[in-house]
Amino acid sequence: MVIEYMGVQEISGSLIVLDGVKNASFEESVLIRLENGTERAGRIVQIDGQHVVIQVFEGTPGISLTNTRTRLLGRPVEMPLSMELLGRVFDGAGRPIDGLSDIFPQTRRDVNGTPINPVSRVYPRNYIETGISSIDCLMTLIRGQKLPIFSGSGMHHNELAAQIVRQAKIQGDDAGFAIVFAAMGVTNDVADFFRRSFEESGVLNRVLMFLNLSNDPIIERILTPRCALTAAEYLAFDKSMHILVIMTDMTSYAEALREFSSSKGEIPGRKGYPGYLYSDLASLYERAGMIKGSTGSVTQIPILTMPNDDITHPVPDLTGYITEGQIVLDRTMDKSGIYPPVSALPSLSRLMKDGIGEGFTRADHAAVANQLFACYARVQEARSLSSVIGEDELSPSDKKLMSFGRLFDSKFINQGHLENRTIDQTLDLGWQLLSVLPREELDRIDDKMLDKFYKPDI
């Protein structure tokens, strides 16, 4: 027997409060029928005896205190899943917005996911090639890894995300590779840019998109990454595919979580964010990985904008604790016209050492990456000295470093929006740059490898 509850006791922001509710469950789905006959979805977020607080995804405008009917559905928020998902576009709550029919599901899954037993995890190996030299060489993305991009407002992170979607590929059978793209709080023109970019490049058939627009209900943003990750887990672990999940912008997600927490009257933490922000972000990021019994993988690239370019802001700060490295975009490089404006020294991939080298990328990969990092760190010292005494007064070795630094920024980091470099092209380019420097300066590479690749006449 289905019981409907008539009227609501209280409305607060995106929340409604019911009293006298029996047998309710935390995270249970709710269907709310308004006085005009329209329906809205919600979920139970707080229970105190028979006192129940419900989060309304489409917002509370138009909800009547007296004539609203609420029905508990007896199940959590679920995502319909099948192979039909690929090539489709959904809103933040998983409803189709591409003008096509609803998904005919093979199964339905709780969007909150199921925690992966750490013992069942498989250590991530093998790499995903993005076609972007700075990422592929210096901070290689490994299957099953979570590698965030830290950006600033107004920088080219959207273009970088679109380029990764267009160019990302794996070794071997590329048919088993797909991308789940989740956009949260983006404007209509940004959403159109992503859709147009994927359609024109012909990759839309292997992309599953979730779009939560800036004028959509802000609370719906809390569902968007969960729906995306539920679809990714189904494709990876049920269908043995390799899935790359790109989520932008996680700061918009965290701000929606802050608004939700405030409407519940919870005690705020740093900068008004809820005290459980760390565990909430971890519940999303830790859904990446590989598990025993499945050949598939879920890899994550969360993109987040740092307010005032502050890397110590709670969202990037806590993200850095959970993830396995980061890609940091630099505003100075962005303003000077370098794309992608990847700042090499603060960026790293903690898992790349086990997914590169012979059998994965190329035998010289680790040595080239280490030497480029070491030389570029010395470039910063030479630039600091040059700003004091002038470049003309530098020693010959420091002048060589300055020349190397300019080439590194303009030739290696900088590449076109449509330029797709293979890993061999990237490593060969790295050797060209290292060949600018005297051989004795290359102390991170053994003589055998230098004999093979070092060509100072280039």
Protein backbone atom coordinates (compact mmCIF):
# COMPACT_ATOMS: atom_id res chain seq x y z
CA MET A 1 0.00 0.00 0.00
CA VAL A 2 1.38 3.41 -1.05
CA ILE A 3 0.92 6.20 1.50
CA GLU A 4 0.83 9.83 0.42
CA TYR A 5 1.47 12.62 2.90
CA MET A 6 -0.64 15.74 2.38
CA GLY A 7 0.95 19.14 2.96
CA VAL A 8 4.35 20.05 4.39
CA GLN A 9 5.23 21.46 7.76
CA GLU A 10 8.00 23.82 6.67
CA ILE A 11 9.88 25.03 3.58
CA SER A 12 13.50 26.18 3.92
CA GLY A 13 15.55 26.88 0.79
CA SER A 14 15.69 23.63 -1.18
CA LEU A 15 14.32 21.62 1.78
CA ILE A 16 10.83 20.69 2.87
CA VAL A 17 9.94 19.21 6.25
CA LEU A 18 7.29 16.55 6.91
CA ASP A 19 6.01 15.36 10.27
CA GLY A 20 4.38 12.08 11.22
CA VAL A 21 6.26 10.03 8.63
CA LYS A 22 6.71 6.35 9.45
CA ASN A 23 9.21 3.78 8.13
CA ALA A 24 11.29 6.33 6.24
CA SER A 25 14.89 5.53 5.22
CA PHE A 26 17.89 7.84 4.85
CA GLU A 27 18.61 8.69 1.17
CA GLU A 28 15.19 7.30 0.17
CA SER A 29 13.71 8.71 -3.04
CA VAL A 30 10.60 10.86 -2.78
CA LEU A 31 8.04 11.97 -5.38
CA ILE A 32 6.42 15.34 -4.73
CA ARG A 33 3.19 16.25 -6.57
CA LEU A 34 2.38 19.97 -6.64
CA GLU A 35 -1.06 21.55 -6.62
CA ASN A 36 -0.94 22.09 -10.41
CA GLY A 37 -0.20 18.40 -11.06
CA THR A 38 3.51 18.70 -11.84
CA GLU A 39 5.96 16.38 -10.09
CA ARG A 40 9.38 16.91 -8.56
CA ALA A 41 11.95 14.46 -7.28
CA GLY A 42 13.62 14.55 -3.91
CA ARG A 43 15.46 12.47 -1.35
CA ILE A 44 15.38 12.17 2.44
CA VAL A 45 18.47 13.80 3.95
CA GLN A 46 17.58 13.87 7.65
CA ILE A 47 15.38 11.78 9.97
CA ASP A 48 14.52 12.59 13.57
CA GLY A 49 11.90 10.12 14.76
CA GLN A 50 8.87 10.81 12.54
CA HIS A 51 10.29 14.21 11.58
CA VAL A 52 11.74 14.01 8.02
CA VAL A 53 13.73 16.57 5.99
CA ILE A 54 13.54 16.17 2.20
CA GLN A 55 15.88 17.72 -0.36
CA VAL A 56 13.98 18.81 -3.51
CA PHE A 57 16.21 18.62 -6.58
CA GLU A 58 14.22 21.02 -8.77
CA GLY A 59 13.88 23.55 -5.94
CA THR A 60 10.89 24.52 -3.79
CA PRO A 61 9.24 27.47 -5.66
CA GLY A 62 5.53 26.77 -6.15
CA ILE A 63 5.32 24.17 -3.38
CA SER A 64 2.25 24.69 -1.20
CA LEU A 65 2.25 24.11 2.55
CA THR A 66 -1.24 22.63 2.36
CA ASN A 67 -1.89 21.01 -1.03
CA THR A 68 1.42 19.28 -1.76
CA ARG A 69 1.34 15.47 -1.88
CA THR A 70 4.52 13.56 -0.98
CA ARG A 71 5.09 9.86 -1.67
CA LEU A 72 8.01 7.80 -0.36
CA LEU A 73 9.26 5.40 -3.05
CA GLY A 74 11.06 2.90 -0.84
CA ARG A 75 14.35 3.00 -2.80
CA PRO A 76 17.36 5.31 -3.10
CA VAL A 77 17.96 7.65 -6.05
CA GLU A 78 18.83 5.34 -8.94
CA MET A 79 20.33 5.71 -12.39
CA PRO A 80 18.97 3.59 -15.30
CA LEU A 81 21.88 1.86 -17.02
CA SER A 82 22.52 0.14 -20.34
CA MET A 83 24.94 0.38 -23.27
CA GLU A 84 22.50 2.88 -24.82
CA LEU A 85 24.06 5.51 -22.55
CA LEU A 86 27.00 6.11 -24.90
CA GLY A 87 26.51 9.06 -27.22
CA ARG A 88 23.67 10.48 -25.12
CA VAL A 89 23.30 13.79 -23.27
CA PHE A 90 21.59 14.02 -19.86
CA ASP A 91 20.84 16.76 -17.38
CA GLY A 92 22.45 16.80 -13.94
CA ALA A 93 19.87 14.37 -12.52
CA GLY A 94 20.28 11.80 -15.31
CA ARG A 95 17.28 12.75 -17.47
CA PRO A 96 17.78 12.80 -21.29
CA ILE A 97 18.00 16.31 -22.80
CA ASP A 98 19.09 15.37 -26.32
CA GLY A 99 15.57 14.97 -27.70
CA LEU A 100 15.83 11.18 -27.84
CA SER A 101 13.82 8.60 -25.92
CA ASP A 102 14.39 7.52 -22.34
CA ILE A 103 16.97 4.82 -21.65
CA PHE A 104 15.61 1.27 -21.63
CA PRO A 105 17.57 0.04 -18.60
CA GLN A 106 19.26 -3.33 -18.25
CA THR A 107 19.65 -2.49 -14.57
CA ARG A 108 19.34 0.37 -12.09
CA ARG A 109 21.98 1.36 -9.54
CA ASP A 110 22.06 3.58 -6.47
CA VAL A 111 23.83 6.80 -7.54
CA ASN A 112 25.74 6.85 -4.23
CA GLY A 113 27.62 3.77 -5.38
CA THR A 114 29.06 0.92 -3.36
CA PRO A 115 32.40 1.37 -1.56
CA ILE A 116 35.20 -0.64 -3.18
CA ASN A 117 36.86 -3.07 -0.80
CA PRO A 118 40.54 -1.97 -0.66
CA VAL A 119 41.61 -5.62 -0.82
CA SER A 120 39.76 -5.94 -4.15
CA ARG A 121 41.58 -3.03 -5.76
CA VAL A 122 44.15 -3.66 -8.47
CA TYR A 123 47.20 -1.36 -8.59
CA PRO A 124 46.81 1.06 -11.55
CA ARG A 125 49.15 0.47 -14.47
CA ASN A 126 49.18 1.36 -18.19
CA TYR A 127 48.64 4.90 -19.32
CA ILE A 128 46.04 6.98 -21.11
CA GLU A 129 47.52 9.08 -23.91
CA THR A 130 46.05 12.58 -24.06
CA GLY A 131 48.11 13.89 -26.98
CA ILE A 132 49.28 16.78 -24.79
CA SER A 133 53.07 16.75 -24.29
CA SER A 134 53.19 18.35 -20.85
CA ILE A 135 50.74 15.79 -19.43
CA ASP A 136 51.91 12.68 -21.30
CA CYS A 137 55.60 13.20 -20.54
CA LEU A 138 55.77 14.93 -17.16
CA MET A 139 52.57 13.94 -15.30
CA THR A 140 51.37 10.84 -17.14
CA LEU A 141 47.75 9.84 -16.60
CA ILE A 142 47.50 6.19 -15.50
CA ARG A 143 44.37 4.05 -15.89
CA GLY A 144 42.52 3.90 -12.59
CA GLN A 145 44.13 7.12 -11.31
CA LYS A 146 42.47 10.31 -10.09
CA LEU A 147 44.45 13.29 -11.39
CA PRO A 148 42.80 16.71 -10.86
CA ILE A 149 43.42 19.90 -12.81
CA PHE A 150 43.77 23.02 -10.62
CA SER A 151 42.84 26.11 -12.59
CA GLY A 152 41.79 29.71 -12.03
CA SER A 153 38.63 31.50 -13.12
CA GLY A 154 38.76 32.59 -16.75
CA MET A 155 41.66 30.33 -17.73
CA HIS A 156 41.60 27.77 -20.53
CA HIS A 157 40.58 24.71 -18.50
CA ASN A 158 37.43 24.19 -20.57
CA GLU A 159 39.45 24.10 -23.80
CA LEU A 160 41.91 21.70 -22.15
CA ALA A 161 39.06 19.43 -20.99
CA ALA A 162 37.56 19.38 -24.50
CA GLN A 163 40.96 18.61 -26.04
CA ILE A 164 41.51 15.69 -23.66
CA VAL A 165 38.08 14.29 -24.54
CA ARG A 166 38.81 14.58 -28.28
CA GLN A 167 42.30 13.10 -28.15
CA ALA A 168 42.41 10.62 -25.25
CA LYS A 169 43.13 7.03 -26.23
CA ILE A 170 44.58 3.82 -24.85
CA GLN A 171 47.01 1.31 -26.31
CA GLY A 172 45.46 -1.58 -28.19
CA ASP A 173 41.71 -1.85 -28.76
CA ASP A 174 40.35 1.70 -28.58
CA ALA A 175 36.79 0.35 -28.96
CA GLY A 176 36.81 -0.52 -25.26
CA PHE A 177 37.51 3.10 -24.28
CA ALA A 178 34.85 5.73 -23.55
CA ILE A 179 34.52 9.05 -21.74
CA VAL A 180 31.96 10.21 -19.20
CA PHE A 181 31.83 14.01 -19.11
CA ALA A 182 30.07 15.79 -16.23
CA ALA A 183 29.71 19.60 -16.26
CA MET A 184 28.38 21.34 -13.16
CA GLY A 185 27.19 24.93 -13.03
CA VAL A 186 28.38 25.81 -16.55
CA THR A 187 26.80 28.56 -18.64
CA ASN A 188 24.79 27.78 -21.77
CA ASP A 189 27.57 28.94 -24.10
CA VAL A 190 30.13 26.70 -22.36
CA ALA A 191 27.74 23.72 -22.58
CA ASP A 192 27.21 24.47 -26.30
CA PHE A 193 30.99 24.68 -26.77
CA PHE A 194 31.47 21.19 -25.31
CA ARG A 195 28.64 19.62 -27.34
CA ARG A 196 29.75 21.30 -30.57
CA SER A 197 33.39 20.37 -29.98
CA PHE A 198 32.58 16.69 -29.46
CA GLU A 199 30.16 16.54 -32.39
CA GLU A 200 32.51 18.23 -34.85
CA SER A 201 35.45 16.01 -33.89
CA GLY A 202 33.34 12.86 -34.27
CA VAL A 203 33.90 11.53 -30.75
CA LEU A 204 30.37 12.06 -29.41
CA ASN A 205 29.47 8.41 -30.02
CA ARG A 206 31.97 7.37 -27.33
CA VAL A 207 31.10 10.20 -24.93
CA LEU A 208 28.36 10.23 -22.30
CA MET A 209 27.53 13.78 -21.18
CA PHE A 210 25.85 15.09 -18.03
CA LEU A 211 25.17 18.84 -18.18
CA ASN A 212 24.06 20.83 -15.13
CA LEU A 213 23.68 24.43 -16.30
CA SER A 214 24.17 27.54 -14.20
CA ASN A 215 20.42 28.28 -14.36
CA ASP A 216 19.49 24.73 -13.29
CA PRO A 217 18.59 24.14 -9.63
CA ILE A 218 21.84 24.36 -7.70
CA ILE A 219 20.95 21.36 -5.54
CA GLU A 220 20.79 19.20 -8.67
CA ARG A 221 24.57 19.66 -8.90
CA ILE A 222 24.99 17.35 -5.93
CA LEU A 223 23.54 14.53 -8.06
CA THR A 224 25.53 15.24 -11.25
CA PRO A 225 28.91 13.65 -10.37
CA ARG A 226 27.15 10.74 -8.66
CA CYS A 227 25.08 9.95 -11.76
CA ALA A 228 28.19 10.24 -13.94
CA LEU A 229 30.25 7.93 -11.74
CA THR A 230 27.42 5.39 -11.49
CA ALA A 231 27.30 5.21 -15.30
CA ALA A 232 31.12 4.96 -15.42
CA GLU A 233 31.19 2.10 -12.91
CA TYR A 234 28.56 0.19 -14.89
CA LEU A 235 30.47 0.54 -18.17
CA ALA A 236 33.82 -0.28 -16.53
CA PHE A 237 33.00 -3.12 -14.16
CA ASP A 238 29.95 -4.67 -15.86
CA LYS A 239 30.99 -4.15 -19.48
CA SER A 240 34.81 -4.30 -19.00
CA MET A 241 35.47 -0.92 -20.62
CA HIS A 242 38.12 1.65 -19.77
CA ILE A 243 36.29 4.82 -18.74
CA LEU A 244 37.77 8.29 -18.32
CA VAL A 245 35.56 10.55 -16.18
CA ILE A 246 36.07 14.32 -16.54
CA MET A 247 34.20 16.43 -13.99
CA THR A 248 34.14 20.22 -14.20
CA ASP A 249 33.82 22.30 -12.09
CA MET A 250 34.21 20.63 -8.68
CA THR A 251 34.25 24.05 -7.02
CA SER A 252 30.67 24.61 -8.28
CA TYR A 253 29.78 21.25 -6.76
CA ALA A 254 31.34 22.22 -3.41
CA GLU A 255 29.45 25.54 -3.42
CA ALA A 256 26.17 23.67 -3.97
CA LEU A 257 27.10 21.44 -1.05
CA ARG A 258 27.78 24.54 1.06
CA GLU A 259 24.36 25.99 0.22
CA PHE A 260 22.69 22.67 1.02
CA SER A 261 24.55 22.43 4.34
CA SER A 262 23.61 26.00 5.25
CA SER A 263 19.92 25.37 4.54
CA LYS A 264 20.03 22.42 6.93
CA GLY A 265 21.44 24.67 9.63
CA GLU A 266 24.70 22.74 9.98
CA ILE A 267 27.70 24.31 11.67
CA PRO A 268 30.03 25.62 8.93
CA GLY A 269 33.73 24.81 8.66
CA ARG A 270 36.48 26.61 6.69
CA LYS A 271 35.08 29.41 4.49
CA GLY A 272 31.53 28.25 5.22
CA TYR A 273 31.95 24.79 3.69
CA PRO A 274 30.53 21.90 5.71
CA GLY A 275 32.84 20.05 8.05
CA TYR A 276 32.30 16.85 6.07
CA LEU A 277 33.57 18.35 2.78
CA TYR A 278 36.65 16.08 2.86
CA SER A 279 34.67 12.87 3.28
CA ASP A 280 32.10 13.99 0.70
CA LEU A 281 34.79 14.67 -1.91
CA ALA A 282 36.47 11.38 -1.00
CA SER A 283 33.18 9.54 -1.61
CA LEU A 284 33.42 10.76 -5.22
CA TYR A 285 37.15 10.55 -5.91
CA GLU A 286 37.56 7.09 -4.38
CA ARG A 287 35.16 5.67 -6.96
CA ALA A 288 38.08 5.66 -9.40
CA GLY A 289 40.19 2.56 -9.75
CA MET A 290 40.39 -1.03 -10.96
CA ILE A 291 39.02 -4.09 -9.17
CA LYS A 292 39.74 -7.80 -9.27
CA GLY A 293 37.45 -9.79 -11.53
CA SER A 294 37.03 -7.01 -14.11
CA THR A 295 39.38 -5.86 -16.84
CA GLY A 296 37.77 -2.41 -16.90
CA SER A 297 38.90 0.76 -15.14
CA VAL A 298 37.55 4.12 -13.99
CA THR A 299 39.98 7.03 -14.31
CA GLN A 300 39.10 10.52 -13.07
CA ILE A 301 40.16 14.02 -14.08
CA PRO A 302 38.29 16.39 -11.76
CA ILE A 303 38.71 20.04 -12.81
CA LEU A 304 38.33 22.74 -10.18
CA THR A 305 38.78 26.49 -10.21
CA MET A 306 40.68 28.01 -7.30
CA PRO A 307 39.01 31.20 -5.99
CA ASN A 308 41.57 34.03 -6.25
CA ASP A 309 44.05 31.41 -7.60
CA ASP A 310 44.49 30.25 -3.99
CA ILE A 311 45.76 26.66 -3.95
CA THR A 312 45.22 26.56 -0.16
CA HIS A 313 41.47 27.14 -0.63
CA PRO A 314 39.52 24.24 0.99
CA VAL A 315 38.41 22.64 -2.29
CA PRO A 316 41.85 22.27 -3.97
CA ASP A 317 43.51 21.73 -0.59
CA LEU A 318 41.31 18.78 0.36
CA THR A 319 41.32 17.44 -3.20
CA GLY A 320 45.10 17.29 -3.10
CA TYR A 321 44.98 15.08 0.00
CA ILE A 322 42.70 12.55 -1.69
CA THR A 323 44.02 12.37 -5.25
CA GLU A 324 47.27 10.99 -6.69
CA GLY A 325 48.85 14.20 -7.94
CA GLN A 326 47.65 17.33 -9.70
CA ILE A 327 48.00 19.36 -12.90
CA VAL A 328 48.36 23.06 -12.03
CA LEU A 329 47.56 25.77 -14.59
CA ASP A 330 49.50 29.03 -14.31
CA ARG A 331 47.87 32.42 -14.91
CA THR A 332 51.12 34.13 -15.95
CA MET A 333 51.67 31.53 -18.67
CA ASP A 334 48.02 31.83 -19.68
CA LYS A 335 48.33 35.61 -20.06
CA SER A 336 51.50 35.21 -22.16
CA GLY A 337 49.58 33.11 -24.68
CA ILE A 338 50.96 29.68 -23.77
CA TYR A 339 48.40 26.89 -24.17
CA PRO A 340 47.91 24.71 -22.24
CA PRO A 341 49.34 26.87 -19.43
CA VAL A 342 50.59 23.88 -17.41
CA SER A 343 53.01 24.84 -14.66
CA ALA A 344 55.45 21.94 -14.67
CA LEU A 345 57.13 22.24 -11.26
CA PRO A 346 54.08 22.15 -8.93
CA SER A 347 52.41 19.47 -11.09
CA LEU A 348 52.98 15.76 -10.63
CA SER A 349 51.50 12.31 -11.10
CA ARG A 350 52.29 10.02 -8.19
CA LEU A 351 51.45 6.86 -10.13
CA MET A 352 53.29 7.56 -13.39
CA LYS A 353 56.48 5.72 -12.38
CA ASP A 354 54.66 2.37 -12.54
CA GLY A 355 52.86 3.01 -15.82
CA ILE A 356 55.66 4.34 -18.06
CA GLY A 357 58.89 2.98 -19.48
CA GLU A 358 59.61 -0.10 -21.57
CA GLY A 359 56.46 -2.09 -22.31
CA PHE A 360 54.22 0.91 -21.57
CA THR A 361 55.49 4.10 -23.24
CA ARG A 362 59.21 4.06 -24.11
CA ALA A 363 62.33 2.97 -22.25
CA ASP A 364 63.71 6.53 -22.01
CA HIS A 365 60.49 8.13 -20.71
CA ALA A 366 61.34 8.24 -16.99
CA ALA A 367 64.86 9.57 -17.62
CA VAL A 368 63.65 12.29 -20.00
CA ALA A 369 60.92 13.41 -17.58
CA ASN A 370 63.32 13.53 -14.61
CA GLN A 371 65.90 15.49 -16.58
CA LEU A 372 63.36 17.98 -17.93
CA PHE A 373 62.08 18.61 -14.40
CA ALA A 374 65.62 19.05 -13.04
CA CYS A 375 66.70 21.42 -15.82
CA TYR A 376 63.52 23.49 -15.64
CA ALA A 377 63.97 23.90 -11.88
CA ARG A 378 67.43 25.36 -12.57
CA VAL A 379 65.87 27.63 -15.22
CA GLN A 380 63.80 29.27 -12.48
CA GLU A 381 66.99 29.96 -10.49
CA ALA A 382 68.65 31.46 -13.57
CA ARG A 383 65.59 33.63 -14.24
CA SER A 384 65.61 34.90 -10.67
CA LEU A 385 69.29 35.79 -10.98
CA SER A 386 68.69 37.40 -14.38
CA SER A 387 66.01 39.66 -12.92
CA VAL A 388 68.64 41.06 -10.54
CA ILE A 389 71.80 41.35 -12.64
CA GLY A 390 70.44 41.12 -16.20
CA GLU A 391 70.74 38.24 -18.66
CA ASP A 392 73.92 39.66 -20.27
CA GLU A 393 75.80 39.21 -16.99
CA LEU A 394 74.88 35.55 -16.59
CA SER A 395 77.46 32.78 -16.96
CA PRO A 396 77.52 30.80 -20.25
CA SER A 397 75.85 27.80 -18.57
CA ASP A 398 73.07 30.00 -17.16
CA LYS A 399 72.55 31.56 -20.61
CA LYS A 400 72.14 28.05 -22.01
CA LEU A 401 69.56 27.36 -19.30
CA MET A 402 67.65 30.53 -20.20
CA SER A 403 67.60 29.44 -23.84
CA PHE A 404 66.39 25.98 -22.77
CA GLY A 405 63.65 27.57 -20.62
CA ARG A 406 62.31 29.66 -23.49
CA LEU A 407 62.22 26.62 -25.80
CA PHE A 408 60.60 24.50 -23.09
CA ASP A 409 57.74 27.00 -22.71
CA SER A 410 57.27 27.82 -26.39
CA LYS A 411 57.88 24.40 -28.01
CA PHE A 412 57.20 21.72 -25.39
CA ILE A 413 54.46 23.14 -23.13
CA ASN A 414 52.84 25.25 -25.82
CA GLN A 415 50.87 23.39 -28.48
CA GLY A 416 47.77 24.05 -30.54
CA HIS A 417 44.20 23.32 -29.44
CA LEU A 418 43.96 20.75 -32.25
CA GLU A 419 47.55 19.47 -32.07
CA ASN A 420 47.66 15.80 -31.10
CA ARG A 421 51.18 14.55 -30.35
CA THR A 422 52.01 10.88 -29.96
CA ILE A 423 54.13 9.79 -27.00
CA ASP A 424 57.08 9.21 -29.39
CA GLN A 425 56.77 12.74 -30.79
CA THR A 426 56.63 14.13 -27.25
CA LEU A 427 59.73 12.26 -26.06
CA ASP A 428 61.67 13.11 -29.25
CA LEU A 429 60.79 16.77 -28.66
CA GLY A 430 62.09 16.43 -25.10
CA TRP A 431 65.42 15.14 -26.43
CA GLN A 432 65.63 18.07 -28.86
CA LEU A 433 65.29 20.48 -25.94
CA LEU A 434 67.81 18.60 -23.77
CA SER A 435 70.28 18.65 -26.68
CA VAL A 436 70.44 22.45 -26.31
CA LEU A 437 72.30 21.92 -23.03
CA PRO A 438 75.88 20.63 -22.65
CA ARG A 439 76.04 16.86 -22.16
CA GLU A 440 77.70 17.21 -18.75
CA GLU A 441 74.64 19.12 -17.51
CA LEU A 442 72.41 16.06 -18.08
CA ASP A 443 73.16 14.24 -14.83
CA ARG A 444 69.84 12.32 -14.58
CA ILE A 445 70.42 10.17 -17.70
CA ASP A 446 72.95 7.34 -18.05
CA ASP A 447 75.67 7.39 -20.72
CA LYS A 448 74.18 4.53 -22.74
CA MET A 449 70.93 6.42 -23.22
CA LEU A 450 72.75 9.68 -23.96
CA ASP A 451 74.81 7.95 -26.65
CA LYS A 452 71.59 6.84 -28.32
CA PHE A 453 69.43 9.96 -28.11
CA TYR A 454 71.62 13.04 -27.33
CA LYS A 455 72.24 15.06 -30.52
CA PRO A 456 73.81 18.45 -29.67
CA ASP A 457 73.88 19.63 -33.29
CA ILE A 458 70.04 19.90 -33.40
